[in-house]
Amino acid sequence: MTSGPALIQADLDYQKSDVNQTIQQYISASQGPSDELDKAFIMAIEIGLSILLFVQIIRSLYFQFQV
């Protein structure tokens, strides 16, 4: 399996396992000012992973059509 489909499958597995919901439950249960920082940190990670996935897909397509 090439890196593009592997990353897509990993993203689908992540969405299927509903890890995001578990994280949100943990954050909503936490108290104090750190919960806003936790939310921002998790959002930054999700944005970064989305960008990485997009770059990997584009890179995979580029090398597929280059040959």
PDB file of N, CA and C in Angstrom:
ATOM      1  N   MET A   1       0.859  -1.179   0.000  1.00  0.00           N
ATOM      2  CA  MET A   1       0.000   0.000   0.000  1.00  0.00           C
ATOM      3  C   MET A   1       0.899   1.234   0.000  1.00  0.00           C
ATOM      4  N   THR A   2       0.642   2.130  -0.921  1.00  0.00           N
ATOM      5  CA  THR A   2       1.448   3.343  -0.994  1.00  0.00           C
ATOM      6  C   THR A   2       1.049   4.296   0.125  1.00  0.00           C
ATOM      7  N   SER A   3       1.836   5.350   0.296  1.00  0.00           N
ATOM      8  CA  SER A   3       1.615   6.265   1.416  1.00  0.00           C
ATOM      9  C   SER A   3       0.284   6.993   1.329  1.00  0.00           C
ATOM     10  N   GLY A   4      -0.160   7.352   0.130  1.00  0.00           N
ATOM     11  CA  GLY A   4      -1.433   8.067  -0.022  1.00  0.00           C
ATOM     12  C   GLY A   4      -2.612   7.255   0.499  1.00  0.00           C
ATOM     13  N   PRO A   5      -2.843   6.039  -0.050  1.00  0.00           N
ATOM     14  CA  PRO A   5      -3.947   5.227   0.447  1.00  0.00           C
ATOM     15  C   PRO A   5      -3.803   4.844   1.922  1.00  0.00           C
ATOM     16  N   ALA A   6      -2.566   4.659   2.379  1.00  0.00           N
ATOM     17  CA  ALA A   6      -2.357   4.329   3.788  1.00  0.00           C
ATOM     18  C   ALA A   6      -2.795   5.483   4.683  1.00  0.00           C
ATOM     19  N   LEU A   7      -2.481   6.705   4.286  1.00  0.00           N
ATOM     20  CA  LEU A   7      -2.896   7.862   5.076  1.00  0.00           C
ATOM     21  C   LEU A   7      -4.411   8.046   5.034  1.00  0.00           C
ATOM     22  N   ILE A   8      -4.997   7.811   3.888  1.00  0.00           N
ATOM     23  CA  ILE A   8      -6.453   7.916   3.781  1.00  0.00           C
ATOM     24  C   ILE A   8      -7.109   6.872   4.680  1.00  0.00           C
ATOM     25  N   GLN A   9      -6.583   5.640   4.653  1.00  0.00           N
ATOM     26  CA  GLN A   9      -7.134   4.585   5.503  1.00  0.00           C
ATOM     27  C   GLN A   9      -6.962   4.923   6.976  1.00  0.00           C
ATOM     28  N   ALA A  10      -5.809   5.484   7.346  1.00  0.00           N
ATOM     29  CA  ALA A  10      -5.588   5.881   8.740  1.00  0.00           C
ATOM     30  C   ALA A  10      -6.580   6.960   9.156  1.00  0.00           C
ATOM     31  N   ASP A  11      -6.856   7.911   8.268  1.00  0.00           N
ATOM     32  CA  ASP A  11      -7.828   8.956   8.577  1.00  0.00           C
ATOM     33  C   ASP A  11      -9.224   8.367   8.730  1.00  0.00           C
ATOM     34  N   LEU A  12      -9.593   7.434   7.858  1.00  0.00           N
ATOM     35  CA  LEU A  12     -10.903   6.793   7.967  1.00  0.00           C
ATOM     36  C   LEU A  12     -11.022   5.991   9.263  1.00  0.00           C
ATOM     37  N   ASP A  13      -9.947   5.299   9.633  1.00  0.00           N
ATOM     38  CA  ASP A  13      -9.945   4.553  10.896  1.00  0.00           C
ATOM     39  C   ASP A  13     -10.089   5.490  12.088  1.00  0.00           C
ATOM     40  N   TYR A  14      -9.420   6.635  12.031  1.00  0.00           N
ATOM     41  CA  TYR A  14      -9.505   7.632  13.092  1.00  0.00           C
ATOM     42  C   TYR A  14     -10.941   8.135  13.233  1.00  0.00           C
ATOM     43  N   GLN A  15     -11.559   8.444  12.104  1.00  0.00           N
ATOM     44  CA  GLN A  15     -12.936   8.937  12.142  1.00  0.00           C
ATOM     45  C   GLN A  15     -13.886   7.858  12.640  1.00  0.00           C
ATOM     46  N   LYS A  16     -13.661   6.626  12.222  1.00  0.00           N
ATOM     47  CA  LYS A  16     -14.531   5.517  12.626  1.00  0.00           C
ATOM     48  C   LYS A  16     -14.425   5.238  14.118  1.00  0.00           C
ATOM     49  N   SER A  17     -13.233   5.355  14.683  1.00  0.00           N
ATOM     50  CA  SER A  17     -13.049   5.058  16.096  1.00  0.00           C
ATOM     51  C   SER A  17     -13.580   6.157  16.995  1.00  0.00           C
ATOM     52  N   ASP A  18     -13.932   7.319  16.404  1.00  0.00           N
ATOM     53  CA  ASP A  18     -14.535   8.437  17.126  1.00  0.00           C
ATOM     54  C   ASP A  18     -13.645   8.920  18.274  1.00  0.00           C
ATOM     55  N   VAL A  19     -12.347   8.976  18.017  1.00  0.00           N
ATOM     56  CA  VAL A  19     -11.398   9.462  19.013  1.00  0.00           C
ATOM     57  C   VAL A  19     -11.697  10.916  19.366  1.00  0.00           C
ATOM     58  N   ASN A  20     -12.122  11.680  18.373  1.00  0.00           N
ATOM     59  CA  ASN A  20     -12.413  13.087  18.601  1.00  0.00           C
ATOM     60  C   ASN A  20     -13.487  13.255  19.682  1.00  0.00           C
ATOM     61  N   GLN A  21     -14.521  12.412  19.652  1.00  0.00           N
ATOM     62  CA  GLN A  21     -15.591  12.498  20.650  1.00  0.00           C
ATOM     63  C   GLN A  21     -15.045  12.203  22.048  1.00  0.00           C
ATOM     64  N   THR A  22     -14.178  11.216  22.162  1.00  0.00           N
ATOM     65  CA  THR A  22     -13.579  10.882  23.452  1.00  0.00           C
ATOM     66  C   THR A  22     -12.754  12.046  23.979  1.00  0.00           C
ATOM     67  N   ILE A  23     -12.000  12.679  23.101  1.00  0.00           N
ATOM     68  CA  ILE A  23     -11.187  13.830  23.495  1.00  0.00           C
ATOM     69  C   ILE A  23     -12.080  14.979  23.947  1.00  0.00           C
ATOM     70  N   GLN A  24     -13.155  15.227  23.196  1.00  0.00           N
ATOM     71  CA  GLN A  24     -14.070  16.315  23.562  1.00  0.00           C
ATOM     72  C   GLN A  24     -14.728  16.044  24.918  1.00  0.00           C
ATOM     73  N   GLN A  25     -15.072  14.791  25.193  1.00  0.00           N
ATOM     74  CA  GLN A  25     -15.645  14.449  26.496  1.00  0.00           C
ATOM     75  C   GLN A  25     -14.638  14.709  27.610  1.00  0.00           C
ATOM     76  N   TYR A  26     -13.390  14.366  27.362  1.00  0.00           N
ATOM     77  CA  TYR A  26     -12.351  14.607  28.363  1.00  0.00           C
ATOM     78  C   TYR A  26     -12.192  16.102  28.619  1.00  0.00           C
ATOM     79  N   ILE A  27     -12.179  16.883  27.550  1.00  0.00           N
ATOM     80  CA  ILE A  27     -12.001  18.327  27.694  1.00  0.00           C
ATOM     81  C   ILE A  27     -13.172  18.951  28.437  1.00  0.00           C
ATOM     82  N   SER A  28     -14.380  18.534  28.093  1.00  0.00           N
ATOM     83  CA  SER A  28     -15.545  19.128  28.754  1.00  0.00           C
ATOM     84  C   SER A  28     -15.601  18.736  30.224  1.00  0.00           C
ATOM     85  N   ALA A  29     -15.013  17.596  30.596  1.00  0.00           N
ATOM     86  CA  ALA A  29     -14.995  17.181  31.994  1.00  0.00           C
ATOM     87  C   ALA A  29     -13.906  17.911  32.785  1.00  0.00           C
ATOM     88  N   SER A  30     -12.876  18.390  32.094  1.00  0.00           N
ATOM     89  CA  SER A  30     -11.806  19.090  32.804  1.00  0.00           C
ATOM     90  C   SER A  30     -12.279  20.478  33.223  1.00  0.00           C
ATOM     91  N   GLN A  31     -11.685  20.982  34.268  1.00  0.00           N
ATOM     92  CA  GLN A  31     -12.091  22.279  34.788  1.00  0.00           C
ATOM     93  C   GLN A  31     -10.892  23.217  34.786  1.00  0.00           C
ATOM     94  N   GLY A  32     -11.182  24.500  34.811  1.00  0.00           N
ATOM     95  CA  GLY A  32     -10.115  25.484  34.901  1.00  0.00           C
ATOM     96  C   GLY A  32      -9.782  26.104  33.562  1.00  0.00           C
ATOM     97  N   PRO A  33      -8.836  27.023  33.572  1.00  0.00           N
ATOM     98  CA  PRO A  33      -8.500  27.755  32.347  1.00  0.00           C
ATOM     99  C   PRO A  33      -7.776  26.910  31.302  1.00  0.00           C
ATOM    100  N   SER A  34      -7.275  25.743  31.700  1.00  0.00           N
ATOM    101  CA  SER A  34      -6.504  24.954  30.744  1.00  0.00           C
ATOM    102  C   SER A  34      -7.389  24.293  29.693  1.00  0.00           C
ATOM    103  N   ASP A  35      -8.697  24.208  29.913  1.00  0.00           N
ATOM    104  CA  ASP A  35      -9.529  23.536  28.921  1.00  0.00           C
ATOM    105  C   ASP A  35      -9.557  24.292  27.597  1.00  0.00           C
ATOM    106  N   GLU A  36      -9.473  25.621  27.624  1.00  0.00           N
ATOM    107  CA  GLU A  36      -9.403  26.391  26.382  1.00  0.00           C
ATOM    108  C   GLU A  36      -8.082  26.134  25.662  1.00  0.00           C
ATOM    109  N   LEU A  37      -7.011  26.020  26.417  1.00  0.00           N
ATOM    110  CA  LEU A  37      -5.718  25.701  25.808  1.00  0.00           C
ATOM    111  C   LEU A  37      -5.731  24.300  25.226  1.00  0.00           C
ATOM    112  N   ASP A  38      -6.375  23.360  25.938  1.00  0.00           N
ATOM    113  CA  ASP A  38      -6.478  21.995  25.433  1.00  0.00           C
ATOM    114  C   ASP A  38      -7.232  21.973  24.108  1.00  0.00           C
ATOM    115  N   LYS A  39      -8.342  22.705  24.041  1.00  0.00           N
ATOM    116  CA  LYS A  39      -9.128  22.752  22.812  1.00  0.00           C
ATOM    117  C   LYS A  39      -8.301  23.334  21.662  1.00  0.00           C
ATOM    118  N   ALA A  40      -7.580  24.405  21.937  1.00  0.00           N
ATOM    119  CA  ALA A  40      -6.761  25.040  20.903  1.00  0.00           C
ATOM    120  C   ALA A  40      -5.646  24.097  20.439  1.00  0.00           C
ATOM    121  N   PHE A  41      -5.051  23.388  21.379  1.00  0.00           N
ATOM    122  CA  PHE A  41      -3.970  22.456  21.054  1.00  0.00           C
ATOM    123  C   PHE A  41      -4.487  21.323  20.170  1.00  0.00           C
ATOM    124  N   ILE A  42      -5.627  20.763  20.537  1.00  0.00           N
ATOM    125  CA  ILE A  42      -6.200  19.659  19.757  1.00  0.00           C
ATOM    126  C   ILE A  42      -6.604  20.143  18.373  1.00  0.00           C
ATOM    127  N   MET A  43      -7.171  21.324  18.298  1.00  0.00           N
ATOM    128  CA  MET A  43      -7.560  21.867  17.001  1.00  0.00           C
ATOM    129  C   MET A  43      -6.325  22.074  16.126  1.00  0.00           C
ATOM    130  N   ALA A  44      -5.241  22.560  16.714  1.00  0.00           N
ATOM    131  CA  ALA A  44      -4.005  22.765  15.954  1.00  0.00           C
ATOM    132  C   ALA A  44      -3.460  21.438  15.439  1.00  0.00           C
ATOM    133  N   ILE A  45      -3.541  20.406  16.253  1.00  0.00           N
ATOM    134  CA  ILE A  45      -3.085  19.082  15.818  1.00  0.00           C
ATOM    135  C   ILE A  45      -3.941  18.583  14.666  1.00  0.00           C
ATOM    136  N   GLU A  46      -5.262  18.728  14.780  1.00  0.00           N
ATOM    137  CA  GLU A  46      -6.151  18.271  13.711  1.00  0.00           C
ATOM    138  C   GLU A  46      -5.900  19.039  12.410  1.00  0.00           C
ATOM    139  N   ILE A  47      -5.684  20.337  12.506  1.00  0.00           N
ATOM    140  CA  ILE A  47      -5.395  21.130  11.311  1.00  0.00           C
ATOM    141  C   ILE A  47      -4.074  20.685  10.696  1.00  0.00           C
ATOM    142  N   GLY A  48      -3.081  20.474  11.542  1.00  0.00           N
ATOM    143  CA  GLY A  48      -1.777  20.026  11.047  1.00  0.00           C
ATOM    144  C   GLY A  48      -1.858  18.676  10.371  1.00  0.00           C
ATOM    145  N   LEU A  49      -2.621  17.744  10.956  1.00  0.00           N
ATOM    146  CA  LEU A  49      -2.771  16.422  10.346  1.00  0.00           C
ATOM    147  C   LEU A  49      -3.527  16.498   9.029  1.00  0.00           C
ATOM    148  N   SER A  50      -4.508  17.374   8.961  1.00  0.00           N
ATOM    149  CA  SER A  50      -5.248  17.550   7.709  1.00  0.00           C
ATOM    150  C   SER A  50      -4.341  18.088   6.611  1.00  0.00           C
ATOM    151  N   ILE A  51      -3.514  19.046   6.956  1.00  0.00           N
ATOM    152  CA  ILE A  51      -2.567  19.607   5.980  1.00  0.00           C
ATOM    153  C   ILE A  51      -1.580  18.541   5.533  1.00  0.00           C
ATOM    154  N   LEU A  52      -1.080  17.759   6.476  1.00  0.00           N
ATOM    155  CA  LEU A  52      -0.138  16.688   6.142  1.00  0.00           C
ATOM    156  C   LEU A  52      -0.784  15.670   5.215  1.00  0.00           C
ATOM    157  N   LEU A  53      -2.017  15.288   5.494  1.00  0.00           N
ATOM    158  CA  LEU A  53      -2.729  14.347   4.642  1.00  0.00           C
ATOM    159  C   LEU A  53      -2.896  14.921   3.240  1.00  0.00           C
ATOM    160  N   PHE A  54      -3.277  16.184   3.153  1.00  0.00           N
ATOM    161  CA  PHE A  54      -3.452  16.840   1.853  1.00  0.00           C
ATOM    162  C   PHE A  54      -2.139  16.854   1.072  1.00  0.00           C
ATOM    163  N   VAL A  55      -1.048  17.195   1.724  1.00  0.00           N
ATOM    164  CA  VAL A  55       0.259  17.238   1.067  1.00  0.00           C
ATOM    165  C   VAL A  55       0.655  15.844   0.582  1.00  0.00           C
ATOM    166  N   GLN A  56       0.406  14.833   1.401  1.00  0.00           N
ATOM    167  CA  GLN A  56       0.754  13.466   1.003  1.00  0.00           C
ATOM    168  C   GLN A  56      -0.057  13.030  -0.215  1.00  0.00           C
ATOM    169  N   ILE A  57      -1.336  13.390  -0.253  1.00  0.00           N
ATOM    170  CA  ILE A  57      -2.174  13.023  -1.394  1.00  0.00           C
ATOM    171  C   ILE A  57      -1.680  13.716  -2.651  1.00  0.00           C
ATOM    172  N   ILE A  58      -1.401  15.006  -2.564  1.00  0.00           N
ATOM    173  CA  ILE A  58      -0.899  15.755  -3.718  1.00  0.00           C
ATOM    174  C   ILE A  58       0.435  15.183  -4.186  1.00  0.00           C
ATOM    175  N   ARG A  59       1.309  14.881  -3.239  1.00  0.00           N
ATOM    176  CA  ARG A  59       2.613  14.317  -3.589  1.00  0.00           C
ATOM    177  C   ARG A  59       2.464  12.967  -4.274  1.00  0.00           C
ATOM    178  N   SER A  60       1.558  12.150  -3.760  1.00  0.00           N
ATOM    179  CA  SER A  60       1.315  10.843  -4.356  1.00  0.00           C
ATOM    180  C   SER A  60       0.780  10.986  -5.777  1.00  0.00           C
ATOM    181  N   LEU A  61      -0.153  11.903  -5.974  1.00  0.00           N
ATOM    182  CA  LEU A  61      -0.693  12.136  -7.316  1.00  0.00           C
ATOM    183  C   LEU A  61       0.368  12.660  -8.262  1.00  0.00           C
ATOM    184  N   TYR A  62       1.221  13.538  -7.767  1.00  0.00           N
ATOM    185  CA  TYR A  62       2.290  14.103  -8.592  1.00  0.00           C
ATOM    186  C   TYR A  62       3.214  12.997  -9.108  1.00  0.00           C
ATOM    187  N   PHE A  63       3.631  12.096  -8.208  1.00  0.00           N
ATOM    188  CA  PHE A  63       4.534  11.032  -8.614  1.00  0.00           C
ATOM    189  C   PHE A  63       3.840   9.997  -9.487  1.00  0.00           C
ATOM    190  N   GLN A  64       2.531   9.808  -9.309  1.00  0.00           N
ATOM    191  CA  GLN A  64       1.792   8.873 -10.159  1.00  0.00           C
ATOM    192  C   GLN A  64       1.749   9.372 -11.589  1.00  0.00           C
ATOM    193  N   PHE A  65       1.477  10.652 -11.779  1.00  0.00           N
ATOM    194  CA  PHE A  65       1.333  11.199 -13.123  1.00  0.00           C
ATOM    195  C   PHE A  65       2.665  11.550 -13.769  1.00  0.00           C
ATOM    196  N   GLN A  66       3.711  11.613 -12.978  1.00  0.00           N
ATOM    197  CA  GLN A  66       5.020  11.949 -13.521  1.00  0.00           C
ATOM    198  C   GLN A  66       5.607  10.784 -14.294  1.00  0.00           C
ATOM    199  N   VAL A  67       5.304   9.588 -13.907  1.00  0.00           N
ATOM    200  CA  VAL A  67       5.880   8.389 -14.538  1.00  0.00           C
ATOM    201  C   VAL A  67       5.282   8.123 -15.866  1.00  0.00           C
TER     202      VAL A  67
END
